[in-house]
Structures are given as structure tokens and as C-alpha cells.
Amino acid sequence: KMVFSYLDDTARKNLHHYEYKGSDNSYTYKYLLSPLATFLVNFLPTSIAPNFLSLIGHICCLGIYAITLYECGVTMTCRI
């Protein structure tokens, strides 16, 4: 038995019956994110690791941030 146990015996026995049931009923998910995810799942090869896709997304966000800093500077006085 674990010394620092957060769950009692009954909770530990019932833990394997737990099932996550989340939902998102927003229009953004229904009409933008879900079709985009479906397209990407069908377009990208299955040999690409999910962590690599997350890394690419992070690099894209950093790239946009770098472009914004280049164009607007730290003071955010944009020349656009």
C-alpha cells in the first residue's frame, strides 16, 4: 500500500471504470477545428509522431511572434 494515497480503496477499485465524456458544442469546433483536424489526419502520414506535430505548431507560433517583433518592435509601434 502506498504511503501517500489520495484515493481510498473503493475509489482505487472503481478507477478502471472511469471514462472521460467531454464535449465541445461551439461553432468554432463544429465548423472550423473539426474539419481542419479531419483534413490533417487524412493528409499527413501516420509515421509522423504527434509530438513532432506539436513542435511544428509551436515553431509556427514562435515564427509569427518573431515577425511581429521585427515589424512592430518591442514598443509595438507598427509600420504596417
Protein backbone atom coordinates (compact mmCIF):
# COMPACT_ATOMS: atom_id res chain seq x y z
CA LYS A 1 0.00 0.00 0.00
CA MET A 2 1.23 3.47 -0.88
CA VAL A 3 2.25 5.80 1.95
CA PHE A 4 0.77 8.92 0.29
CA SER A 5 -2.54 7.68 -1.04
CA TYR A 6 -5.07 10.20 -2.32
CA LEU A 7 -7.71 7.61 -3.13
CA ASP A 8 -9.36 5.24 -0.72
CA ASP A 9 -9.72 1.53 -1.51
CA THR A 10 -13.19 1.87 -3.07
CA ALA A 11 -12.06 4.70 -5.35
CA ARG A 12 -8.98 2.76 -6.42
CA LYS A 13 -11.11 -0.28 -7.31
CA ASN A 14 -13.53 1.85 -9.36
CA LEU A 15 -10.81 3.85 -11.12
CA HIS A 16 -10.58 1.46 -14.06
CA HIS A 17 -14.30 2.06 -14.78
CA TYR A 18 -13.74 5.80 -15.24
CA GLU A 19 -14.50 7.08 -18.74
CA TYR A 20 -13.95 10.66 -19.88
CA LYS A 21 -17.03 12.15 -21.52
CA GLY A 22 -16.12 15.63 -22.71
CA SER A 23 -17.86 17.56 -25.43
CA ASP A 24 -17.50 20.83 -27.30
CA ASN A 25 -20.64 22.18 -28.93
CA SER A 26 -19.21 25.50 -30.12
CA TYR A 27 -19.49 26.66 -33.72
CA THR A 28 -15.70 27.09 -33.86
CA TYR A 29 -15.18 23.41 -33.10
CA LYS A 30 -18.02 22.21 -35.30
CA TYR A 31 -17.27 24.23 -38.44
CA LEU A 32 -13.53 25.06 -38.19
CA LEU A 33 -11.46 22.89 -35.89
CA SER A 34 -13.10 19.53 -36.51
CA PRO A 35 -12.95 19.74 -40.34
CA LEU A 36 -9.37 21.02 -40.11
CA ALA A 37 -8.38 18.12 -37.86
CA THR A 38 -10.08 15.64 -40.18
CA PHE A 39 -8.24 17.08 -43.18
CA LEU A 40 -4.89 16.94 -41.39
CA VAL A 41 -5.45 13.36 -40.23
CA ASN A 42 -6.18 12.29 -43.81
CA PHE A 43 -3.40 14.42 -45.33
CA LEU A 44 -0.45 13.71 -43.04
CA PRO A 45 1.27 10.31 -42.99
CA THR A 46 0.79 8.15 -39.92
CA SER A 47 4.55 7.82 -39.47
CA ILE A 48 4.77 11.37 -38.10
CA ALA A 49 4.76 11.43 -34.30
CA PRO A 50 2.12 13.61 -32.58
CA ASN A 51 4.83 15.32 -30.55
CA PHE A 52 6.54 16.37 -33.78
CA LEU A 53 3.30 17.95 -35.00
CA SER A 54 3.04 19.85 -31.72
CA LEU A 55 6.63 21.01 -32.15
CA ILE A 56 5.90 22.27 -35.68
CA GLY A 57 2.87 24.18 -34.36
CA HIS A 58 4.98 25.71 -31.62
CA ILE A 59 7.65 26.75 -34.12
CA CYS A 60 4.96 28.38 -36.29
CA CYS A 61 3.70 30.37 -33.30
CA LEU A 62 7.24 31.48 -32.46
CA GLY A 63 7.77 32.46 -36.10
CA ILE A 64 4.68 34.66 -36.10
CA TYR A 65 5.84 36.23 -32.84
CA ALA A 66 9.29 36.90 -34.34
CA ILE A 67 7.76 38.51 -37.43
CA THR A 68 5.58 40.70 -35.22
CA LEU A 69 8.58 41.77 -33.17
CA TYR A 70 10.54 42.51 -36.33
CA GLU A 71 7.75 44.57 -37.89
CA CYS A 72 6.48 46.37 -34.78
CA GLY A 73 9.47 46.31 -32.43
CA VAL A 74 9.32 45.84 -28.70
CA THR A 75 7.27 49.03 -28.29
CA MET A 76 4.66 47.67 -30.75
CA THR A 77 4.71 50.76 -32.96
CA CYS A 78 3.84 49.00 -36.19
CA ARG A 79 4.94 50.31 -39.58
CA ILE A 80 2.18 48.38 -41.30
